[in-house]
Amino acid sequence: MNQDAINLSVLGLSVDFKPGADMKRVREAVRLLEERYADQEQRFSKGQTKDILLTFLALGLADDLLQSQKELAALRHGVHGLLSKIEESA
């Protein structure tokens, strides 16, 4: 990365972000990831590897994304229904 890149530590790894990145969102995402990682780390025995814990985190995030997509689809369906009713009454 170039010298203007923004570097953050994420779970002990150094990660560079491009200068145009929304750093507020990046920091919030890093905070969420580290919180979820810490939660998983406390739930499992010390024999669990970082890879396994990160896999659980990734699955949790994927599940959250899928649920958000379903909610968005339901909202869009509702909006389309309302628009249809408006068009019918016009």
PDB file of N, CA and C in Angstrom:
ATOM      1  N   MET A   1       0.839  -1.190   0.000  1.00  0.00           N
ATOM      2  CA  MET A   1       0.000   0.000   0.000  1.00  0.00           C
ATOM      3  C   MET A   1       0.873   1.238   0.000  1.00  0.00           C
ATOM      4  N   ASN A   2       0.290   2.336  -0.408  1.00  0.00           N
ATOM      5  CA  ASN A   2       1.090   3.561  -0.433  1.00  0.00           C
ATOM      6  C   ASN A   2       1.206   4.156   0.963  1.00  0.00           C
ATOM      7  N   GLN A   3       2.002   5.206   1.065  1.00  0.00           N
ATOM      8  CA  GLN A   3       2.270   5.783   2.383  1.00  0.00           C
ATOM      9  C   GLN A   3       1.059   6.472   2.991  1.00  0.00           C
ATOM     10  N   ASP A   4       0.017   6.728   2.184  1.00  0.00           N
ATOM     11  CA  ASP A   4      -1.186   7.354   2.716  1.00  0.00           C
ATOM     12  C   ASP A   4      -2.177   6.340   3.285  1.00  0.00           C
ATOM     13  N   ALA A   5      -1.876   5.052   3.173  1.00  0.00           N
ATOM     14  CA  ALA A   5      -2.763   4.011   3.677  1.00  0.00           C
ATOM     15  C   ALA A   5      -2.911   4.142   5.190  1.00  0.00           C
ATOM     16  N   ILE A   6      -4.073   3.740   5.663  1.00  0.00           N
ATOM     17  CA  ILE A   6      -4.350   3.777   7.096  1.00  0.00           C
ATOM     18  C   ILE A   6      -4.200   2.360   7.622  1.00  0.00           C
ATOM     19  N   ASN A   7      -3.399   2.190   8.645  1.00  0.00           N
ATOM     20  CA  ASN A   7      -3.096   0.877   9.177  1.00  0.00           C
ATOM     21  C   ASN A   7      -3.784   0.701  10.522  1.00  0.00           C
ATOM     22  N   LEU A   8      -4.489  -0.417  10.668  1.00  0.00           N
ATOM     23  CA  LEU A   8      -5.123  -0.765  11.935  1.00  0.00           C
ATOM     24  C   LEU A   8      -4.716  -2.171  12.328  1.00  0.00           C
ATOM     25  N   SER A   9      -4.757  -2.437  13.612  1.00  0.00           N
ATOM     26  CA  SER A   9      -4.529  -3.779  14.111  1.00  0.00           C
ATOM     27  C   SER A   9      -5.884  -4.452  14.280  1.00  0.00           C
ATOM     28  N   VAL A  10      -6.041  -5.598  13.627  1.00  0.00           N
ATOM     29  CA  VAL A  10      -7.282  -6.363  13.707  1.00  0.00           C
ATOM     30  C   VAL A  10      -6.929  -7.750  14.207  1.00  0.00           C
ATOM     31  N   LEU A  11      -7.358  -8.084  15.402  1.00  0.00           N
ATOM     32  CA  LEU A  11      -7.052  -9.361  16.032  1.00  0.00           C
ATOM     33  C   LEU A  11      -5.552  -9.650  16.007  1.00  0.00           C
ATOM     34  N   GLY A  12      -4.784  -8.610  16.240  1.00  0.00           N
ATOM     35  CA  GLY A  12      -3.345  -8.745  16.307  1.00  0.00           C
ATOM     36  C   GLY A  12      -2.637  -8.732  14.969  1.00  0.00           C
ATOM     37  N   LEU A  13      -3.392  -8.586  13.890  1.00  0.00           N
ATOM     38  CA  LEU A  13      -2.786  -8.524  12.554  1.00  0.00           C
ATOM     39  C   LEU A  13      -2.820  -7.091  12.054  1.00  0.00           C
ATOM     40  N   SER A  14      -1.772  -6.685  11.381  1.00  0.00           N
ATOM     41  CA  SER A  14      -1.685  -5.353  10.819  1.00  0.00           C
ATOM     42  C   SER A  14      -2.397  -5.349   9.462  1.00  0.00           C
ATOM     43  N   VAL A  15      -3.409  -4.476   9.307  1.00  0.00           N
ATOM     44  CA  VAL A  15      -4.196  -4.417   8.077  1.00  0.00           C
ATOM     45  C   VAL A  15      -4.188  -2.983   7.558  1.00  0.00           C
ATOM     46  N   ASP A  16      -3.869  -2.829   6.256  1.00  0.00           N
ATOM     47  CA  ASP A  16      -3.870  -1.511   5.616  1.00  0.00           C
ATOM     48  C   ASP A  16      -5.209  -1.261   4.931  1.00  0.00           C
ATOM     49  N   PHE A  17      -5.696  -0.039   5.051  1.00  0.00           N
ATOM     50  CA  PHE A  17      -6.931   0.376   4.396  1.00  0.00           C
ATOM     51  C   PHE A  17      -6.623   1.543   3.478  1.00  0.00           C
ATOM     52  N   LYS A  18      -7.304   1.571   2.346  1.00  0.00           N
ATOM     53  CA  LYS A  18      -7.056   2.648   1.389  1.00  0.00           C
ATOM     54  C   LYS A  18      -7.489   3.982   1.993  1.00  0.00           C
ATOM     55  N   PRO A  19      -6.882   5.068   1.568  1.00  0.00           N
ATOM     56  CA  PRO A  19      -7.175   6.382   2.144  1.00  0.00           C
ATOM     57  C   PRO A  19      -8.643   6.791   2.061  1.00  0.00           C
ATOM     58  N   GLY A  20      -9.378   6.338   1.040  1.00  0.00           N
ATOM     59  CA  GLY A  20     -10.773   6.734   0.885  1.00  0.00           C
ATOM     60  C   GLY A  20     -11.755   5.923   1.709  1.00  0.00           C
ATOM     61  N   ALA A  21     -11.277   4.940   2.453  1.00  0.00           N
ATOM     62  CA  ALA A  21     -12.169   4.077   3.229  1.00  0.00           C
ATOM     63  C   ALA A  21     -12.871   4.886   4.323  1.00  0.00           C
ATOM     64  N   ASP A  22     -14.117   4.528   4.588  1.00  0.00           N
ATOM     65  CA  ASP A  22     -14.878   5.156   5.666  1.00  0.00           C
ATOM     66  C   ASP A  22     -14.362   4.582   6.985  1.00  0.00           C
ATOM     67  N   MET A  23     -13.422   5.273   7.594  1.00  0.00           N
ATOM     68  CA  MET A  23     -12.730   4.730   8.767  1.00  0.00           C
ATOM     69  C   MET A  23     -13.643   4.574   9.974  1.00  0.00           C
ATOM     70  N   LYS A  24     -14.688   5.374  10.051  1.00  0.00           N
ATOM     71  CA  LYS A  24     -15.637   5.181  11.153  1.00  0.00           C
ATOM     72  C   LYS A  24     -16.279   3.798  11.035  1.00  0.00           C
ATOM     73  N   ARG A  25     -16.709   3.450   9.824  1.00  0.00           N
ATOM     74  CA  ARG A  25     -17.310   2.130   9.605  1.00  0.00           C
ATOM     75  C   ARG A  25     -16.285   1.023   9.805  1.00  0.00           C
ATOM     76  N   VAL A  26     -15.068   1.238   9.336  1.00  0.00           N
ATOM     77  CA  VAL A  26     -14.019   0.238   9.496  1.00  0.00           C
ATOM     78  C   VAL A  26     -13.761  -0.006  10.982  1.00  0.00           C
ATOM     79  N   ARG A  27     -13.646   1.058  11.756  1.00  0.00           N
ATOM     80  CA  ARG A  27     -13.386   0.909  13.197  1.00  0.00           C
ATOM     81  C   ARG A  27     -14.544   0.217  13.901  1.00  0.00           C
ATOM     82  N   GLU A  28     -15.771   0.522  13.487  1.00  0.00           N
ATOM     83  CA  GLU A  28     -16.931  -0.158  14.073  1.00  0.00           C
ATOM     84  C   GLU A  28     -16.906  -1.647  13.735  1.00  0.00           C
ATOM     85  N   ALA A  29     -16.536  -1.979  12.490  1.00  0.00           N
ATOM     86  CA  ALA A  29     -16.451  -3.380  12.076  1.00  0.00           C
ATOM     87  C   ALA A  29     -15.343  -4.099  12.848  1.00  0.00           C
ATOM     88  N   VAL A  30     -14.208  -3.444  13.019  1.00  0.00           N
ATOM     89  CA  VAL A  30     -13.104  -4.030  13.785  1.00  0.00           C
ATOM     90  C   VAL A  30     -13.548  -4.281  15.222  1.00  0.00           C
ATOM     91  N   ARG A  31     -14.228  -3.311  15.814  1.00  0.00           N
ATOM     92  CA  ARG A  31     -14.713  -3.465  17.191  1.00  0.00           C
ATOM     93  C   ARG A  31     -15.662  -4.658  17.287  1.00  0.00           C
ATOM     94  N   LEU A  32     -16.605  -4.770  16.338  1.00  0.00           N
ATOM     95  CA  LEU A  32     -17.561  -5.879  16.342  1.00  0.00           C
ATOM     96  C   LEU A  32     -16.835  -7.215  16.196  1.00  0.00           C
ATOM     97  N   LEU A  33     -15.905  -7.298  15.263  1.00  0.00           N
ATOM     98  CA  LEU A  33     -15.154  -8.531  15.057  1.00  0.00           C
ATOM     99  C   LEU A  33     -14.391  -8.927  16.310  1.00  0.00           C
ATOM    100  N   GLU A  34     -13.728  -7.965  16.932  1.00  0.00           N
ATOM    101  CA  GLU A  34     -12.949  -8.280  18.130  1.00  0.00           C
ATOM    102  C   GLU A  34     -13.850  -8.672  19.300  1.00  0.00           C
ATOM    103  N   GLU A  35     -15.023  -8.044  19.413  1.00  0.00           N
ATOM    104  CA  GLU A  35     -15.972  -8.431  20.466  1.00  0.00           C
ATOM    105  C   GLU A  35     -16.461  -9.860  20.252  1.00  0.00           C
ATOM    106  N   ARG A  36     -16.820 -10.173  19.016  1.00  0.00           N
ATOM    107  CA  ARG A  36     -17.320 -11.522  18.721  1.00  0.00           C
ATOM    108  C   ARG A  36     -16.222 -12.557  18.885  1.00  0.00           C
ATOM    109  N   TYR A  37     -15.030 -12.205  18.493  1.00  0.00           N
ATOM    110  CA  TYR A  37     -13.907 -13.123  18.668  1.00  0.00           C
ATOM    111  C   TYR A  37     -13.685 -13.389  20.160  1.00  0.00           C
ATOM    112  N   ALA A  38     -13.682 -12.334  20.966  1.00  0.00           N
ATOM    113  CA  ALA A  38     -13.480 -12.496  22.415  1.00  0.00           C
ATOM    114  C   ALA A  38     -14.583 -13.354  23.027  1.00  0.00           C
ATOM    115  N   ASP A  39     -15.812 -13.161  22.567  1.00  0.00           N
ATOM    116  CA  ASP A  39     -16.939 -13.951  23.066  1.00  0.00           C
ATOM    117  C   ASP A  39     -16.740 -15.424  22.738  1.00  0.00           C
ATOM    118  N   GLN A  40     -16.362 -15.725  21.503  1.00  0.00           N
ATOM    119  CA  GLN A  40     -16.131 -17.112  21.108  1.00  0.00           C
ATOM    120  C   GLN A  40     -14.945 -17.715  21.855  1.00  0.00           C
ATOM    121  N   GLU A  41     -13.927 -16.908  22.060  1.00  0.00           N
ATOM    122  CA  GLU A  41     -12.732 -17.387  22.758  1.00  0.00           C
ATOM    123  C   GLU A  41     -13.080 -17.805  24.188  1.00  0.00           C
ATOM    124  N   GLN A  42     -13.991 -17.080  24.828  1.00  0.00           N
ATOM    125  CA  GLN A  42     -14.395 -17.406  26.193  1.00  0.00           C
ATOM    126  C   GLN A  42     -15.257 -18.665  26.234  1.00  0.00           C
ATOM    127  N   ARG A  43     -16.000 -18.917  25.167  1.00  0.00           N
ATOM    128  CA  ARG A  43     -16.913 -20.066  25.138  1.00  0.00           C
ATOM    129  C   ARG A  43     -16.211 -21.397  24.925  1.00  0.00           C
ATOM    130  N   PHE A  44     -15.067 -21.387  24.293  1.00  0.00           N
ATOM    131  CA  PHE A  44     -14.407 -22.627  23.927  1.00  0.00           C
ATOM    132  C   PHE A  44     -13.156 -22.843  24.766  1.00  0.00           C
ATOM    133  N   SER A  45     -12.781 -24.121  24.833  1.00  0.00           N
ATOM    134  CA  SER A  45     -11.580 -24.452  25.606  1.00  0.00           C
ATOM    135  C   SER A  45     -10.353 -23.835  24.943  1.00  0.00           C
ATOM    136  N   LYS A  46      -9.291 -23.791  25.666  1.00  0.00           N
ATOM    137  CA  LYS A  46      -8.060 -23.180  25.154  1.00  0.00           C
ATOM    138  C   LYS A  46      -7.473 -23.981  23.991  1.00  0.00           C
ATOM    139  N   GLY A  47      -8.006 -25.172  23.744  1.00  0.00           N
ATOM    140  CA  GLY A  47      -7.509 -25.985  22.642  1.00  0.00           C
ATOM    141  C   GLY A  47      -7.997 -25.510  21.280  1.00  0.00           C
ATOM    142  N   GLN A  48      -8.961 -24.616  21.257  1.00  0.00           N
ATOM    143  CA  GLN A  48      -9.482 -24.127  19.987  1.00  0.00           C
ATOM    144  C   GLN A  48      -8.458 -23.216  19.317  1.00  0.00           C
ATOM    145  N   THR A  49      -8.307 -23.385  18.013  1.00  0.00           N
ATOM    146  CA  THR A  49      -7.376 -22.540  17.291  1.00  0.00           C
ATOM    147  C   THR A  49      -8.068 -21.272  16.827  1.00  0.00           C
ATOM    148  N   LYS A  50      -7.263 -20.277  16.495  1.00  0.00           N
ATOM    149  CA  LYS A  50      -7.800 -19.015  15.987  1.00  0.00           C
ATOM    150  C   LYS A  50      -8.588 -19.249  14.702  1.00  0.00           C
ATOM    151  N   ASP A  51      -8.141 -20.189  13.872  1.00  0.00           N
ATOM    152  CA  ASP A  51      -8.846 -20.480  12.629  1.00  0.00           C
ATOM    153  C   ASP A  51     -10.271 -20.972  12.894  1.00  0.00           C
ATOM    154  N   ILE A  52     -10.427 -21.853  13.865  1.00  0.00           N
ATOM    155  CA  ILE A  52     -11.764 -22.365  14.185  1.00  0.00           C
ATOM    156  C   ILE A  52     -12.629 -21.247  14.738  1.00  0.00           C
ATOM    157  N   LEU A  53     -12.079 -20.450  15.629  1.00  0.00           N
ATOM    158  CA  LEU A  53     -12.852 -19.354  16.201  1.00  0.00           C
ATOM    159  C   LEU A  53     -13.237 -18.336  15.134  1.00  0.00           C
ATOM    160  N   LEU A  54     -12.322 -18.030  14.236  1.00  0.00           N
ATOM    161  CA  LEU A  54     -12.633 -17.092  13.162  1.00  0.00           C
ATOM    162  C   LEU A  54     -13.683 -17.670  12.208  1.00  0.00           C
ATOM    163  N   THR A  55     -13.672 -18.978  12.030  1.00  0.00           N
ATOM    164  CA  THR A  55     -14.697 -19.616  11.201  1.00  0.00           C
ATOM    165  C   THR A  55     -16.070 -19.437  11.836  1.00  0.00           C
ATOM    166  N   PHE A  56     -16.169 -19.618  13.144  1.00  0.00           N
ATOM    167  CA  PHE A  56     -17.430 -19.383  13.837  1.00  0.00           C
ATOM    168  C   PHE A  56     -17.866 -17.923  13.684  1.00  0.00           C
ATOM    169  N   LEU A  57     -16.928 -17.015  13.801  1.00  0.00           N
ATOM    170  CA  LEU A  57     -17.238 -15.602  13.623  1.00  0.00           C
ATOM    171  C   LEU A  57     -17.734 -15.311  12.214  1.00  0.00           C
ATOM    172  N   ALA A  58     -17.056 -15.877  11.236  1.00  0.00           N
ATOM    173  CA  ALA A  58     -17.460 -15.669   9.845  1.00  0.00           C
ATOM    174  C   ALA A  58     -18.857 -16.229   9.606  1.00  0.00           C
ATOM    175  N   LEU A  59     -19.148 -17.389  10.174  1.00  0.00           N
ATOM    176  CA  LEU A  59     -20.484 -17.961  10.038  1.00  0.00           C
ATOM    177  C   LEU A  59     -21.531 -17.070  10.702  1.00  0.00           C
ATOM    178  N   GLY A  60     -21.208 -16.531  11.850  1.00  0.00           N
ATOM    179  CA  GLY A  60     -22.139 -15.617  12.524  1.00  0.00           C
ATOM    180  C   GLY A  60     -22.394 -14.369  11.704  1.00  0.00           C
ATOM    181  N   LEU A  61     -21.355 -13.820  11.135  1.00  0.00           N
ATOM    182  CA  LEU A  61     -21.508 -12.628  10.297  1.00  0.00           C
ATOM    183  C   LEU A  61     -22.295 -12.950   9.034  1.00  0.00           C
ATOM    184  N   ALA A  62     -22.030 -14.122   8.450  1.00  0.00           N
ATOM    185  CA  ALA A  62     -22.775 -14.524   7.251  1.00  0.00           C
ATOM    186  C   ALA A  62     -24.248 -14.700   7.587  1.00  0.00           C
ATOM    187  N   ASP A  63     -24.542 -15.285   8.736  1.00  0.00           N
ATOM    188  CA  ASP A  63     -25.934 -15.441   9.162  1.00  0.00           C
ATOM    189  C   ASP A  63     -26.598 -14.085   9.349  1.00  0.00           C
ATOM    190  N   ASP A  64     -25.903 -13.156   9.974  1.00  0.00           N
ATOM    191  CA  ASP A  64     -26.442 -11.801  10.142  1.00  0.00           C
ATOM    192  C   ASP A  64     -26.732 -11.156   8.797  1.00  0.00           C
ATOM    193  N   LEU A  65     -25.819 -11.325   7.837  1.00  0.00           N
ATOM    194  CA  LEU A  65     -26.001 -10.760   6.510  1.00  0.00           C
ATOM    195  C   LEU A  65     -27.221 -11.370   5.826  1.00  0.00           C
ATOM    196  N   LEU A  66     -27.349 -12.698   5.909  1.00  0.00           N
ATOM    197  CA  LEU A  66     -28.499 -13.356   5.298  1.00  0.00           C
ATOM    198  C   LEU A  66     -29.810 -12.881   5.908  1.00  0.00           C
ATOM    199  N   GLN A  67     -29.837 -12.723   7.217  1.00  0.00           N
ATOM    200  CA  GLN A  67     -31.050 -12.237   7.872  1.00  0.00           C
ATOM    201  C   GLN A  67     -31.369 -10.809   7.445  1.00  0.00           C
ATOM    202  N   SER A  68     -30.356  -9.980   7.332  1.00  0.00           N
ATOM    203  CA  SER A  68     -30.564  -8.600   6.890  1.00  0.00           C
ATOM    204  C   SER A  68     -31.091  -8.564   5.460  1.00  0.00           C
ATOM    205  N   GLN A  69     -30.567  -9.449   4.616  1.00  0.00           N
ATOM    206  CA  GLN A  69     -31.042  -9.505   3.238  1.00  0.00           C
ATOM    207  C   GLN A  69     -32.499  -9.939   3.165  1.00  0.00           C
ATOM    208  N   LYS A  70     -32.889 -10.889   4.009  1.00  0.00           N
ATOM    209  CA  LYS A  70     -34.288 -11.321   4.053  1.00  0.00           C
ATOM    210  C   LYS A  70     -35.190 -10.184   4.515  1.00  0.00           C
ATOM    211  N   GLU A  71     -34.756  -9.460   5.534  1.00  0.00           N
ATOM    212  CA  GLU A  71     -35.543  -8.325   6.024  1.00  0.00           C
ATOM    213  C   GLU A  71     -35.669  -7.248   4.956  1.00  0.00           C
ATOM    214  N   LEU A  72     -34.596  -6.984   4.232  1.00  0.00           N
ATOM    215  CA  LEU A  72     -34.628  -5.999   3.159  1.00  0.00           C
ATOM    216  C   LEU A  72     -35.584  -6.440   2.059  1.00  0.00           C
ATOM    217  N   ALA A  73     -35.547  -7.711   1.699  1.00  0.00           N
ATOM    218  CA  ALA A  73     -36.452  -8.224   0.666  1.00  0.00           C
ATOM    219  C   ALA A  73     -37.904  -8.073   1.108  1.00  0.00           C
ATOM    220  N   ALA A  74     -38.185  -8.346   2.372  1.00  0.00           N
ATOM    221  CA  ALA A  74     -39.553  -8.200   2.887  1.00  0.00           C
ATOM    222  C   ALA A  74     -39.987  -6.738   2.850  1.00  0.00           C
ATOM    223  N   LEU A  75     -39.094  -5.837   3.210  1.00  0.00           N
ATOM    224  CA  LEU A  75     -39.410  -4.412   3.162  1.00  0.00           C
ATOM    225  C   LEU A  75     -39.671  -3.958   1.731  1.00  0.00           C
ATOM    226  N   ARG A  76     -38.842  -4.408   0.806  1.00  0.00           N
ATOM    227  CA  ARG A  76     -39.038  -4.056  -0.611  1.00  0.00           C
ATOM    228  C   ARG A  76     -40.372  -4.570  -1.117  1.00  0.00           C
ATOM    229  N   HIS A  77     -40.718  -5.798  -0.728  1.00  0.00           N
ATOM    230  CA  HIS A  77     -41.999  -6.375  -1.128  1.00  0.00           C
ATOM    231  C   HIS A  77     -43.151  -5.515  -0.595  1.00  0.00           C
ATOM    232  N   GLY A  78     -43.033  -5.086   0.647  1.00  0.00           N
ATOM    233  CA  GLY A  78     -44.060  -4.225   1.240  1.00  0.00           C
ATOM    234  C   GLY A  78     -44.175  -2.893   0.525  1.00  0.00           C
ATOM    235  N   VAL A  79     -43.054  -2.299   0.178  1.00  0.00           N
ATOM    236  CA  VAL A  79     -43.056  -1.020  -0.534  1.00  0.00           C
ATOM    237  C   VAL A  79     -43.695  -1.185  -1.903  1.00  0.00           C
ATOM    238  N   HIS A  80     -43.352  -2.272  -2.605  1.00  0.00           N
ATOM    239  CA  HIS A  80     -43.945  -2.508  -3.922  1.00  0.00           C
ATOM    240  C   HIS A  80     -45.461  -2.691  -3.798  1.00  0.00           C
ATOM    241  N   GLY A  81     -45.892  -3.373  -2.743  1.00  0.00           N
ATOM    242  CA  GLY A  81     -47.325  -3.542  -2.513  1.00  0.00           C
ATOM    243  C   GLY A  81     -48.018  -2.206  -2.291  1.00  0.00           C
ATOM    244  N   LEU A  82     -47.406  -1.358  -1.495  1.00  0.00           N
ATOM    245  CA  LEU A  82     -47.966  -0.026  -1.248  1.00  0.00           C
ATOM    246  C   LEU A  82     -48.005   0.804  -2.524  1.00  0.00           C
ATOM    247  N   LEU A  83     -46.946   0.736  -3.311  1.00  0.00           N
ATOM    248  CA  LEU A  83     -46.924   1.470  -4.583  1.00  0.00           C
ATOM    249  C   LEU A  83     -48.017   0.978  -5.527  1.00  0.00           C
ATOM    250  N   SER A  84     -48.250  -0.316  -5.557  1.00  0.00           N
ATOM    251  CA  SER A  84     -49.302  -0.861  -6.402  1.00  0.00           C
ATOM    252  C   SER A  84     -50.670  -0.338  -5.969  1.00  0.00           C
ATOM    253  N   LYS A  85     -50.909  -0.296  -4.668  1.00  0.00           N
ATOM    254  CA  LYS A  85     -52.184   0.205  -4.152  1.00  0.00           C
ATOM    255  C   LYS A  85     -52.347   1.686  -4.492  1.00  0.00           C
ATOM    256  N   ILE A  86     -51.276   2.437  -4.392  1.00  0.00           N
ATOM    257  CA  ILE A  86     -51.334   3.866  -4.725  1.00  0.00           C
ATOM    258  C   ILE A  86     -51.661   4.052  -6.202  1.00  0.00           C
ATOM    259  N   GLU A  87     -51.000   3.260  -7.038  1.00  0.00           N
ATOM    260  CA  GLU A  87     -51.242   3.362  -8.486  1.00  0.00           C
ATOM    261  C   GLU A  87     -52.675   2.949  -8.837  1.00  0.00           C
ATOM    262  N   GLU A  88     -53.205   1.953  -8.168  1.00  0.00           N
ATOM    263  CA  GLU A  88     -54.581   1.498  -8.428  1.00  0.00           C
ATOM    264  C   GLU A  88     -55.600   2.558  -8.023  1.00  0.00           C
ATOM    265  N   SER A  89     -55.312   3.286  -6.969  1.00  0.00           N
ATOM    266  CA  SER A  89     -56.285   4.275  -6.483  1.00  0.00           C
ATOM    267  C   SER A  89     -56.189   5.600  -7.241  1.00  0.00           C
ATOM    268  N   ALA A  90     -55.147   5.772  -8.041  1.00  0.00           N
ATOM    269  CA  ALA A  90     -54.957   7.042  -8.759  1.00  0.00           C
ATOM    270  C   ALA A  90     -55.780   7.122 -10.019  1.00  0.00           C
TER     271      ALA A  90
END
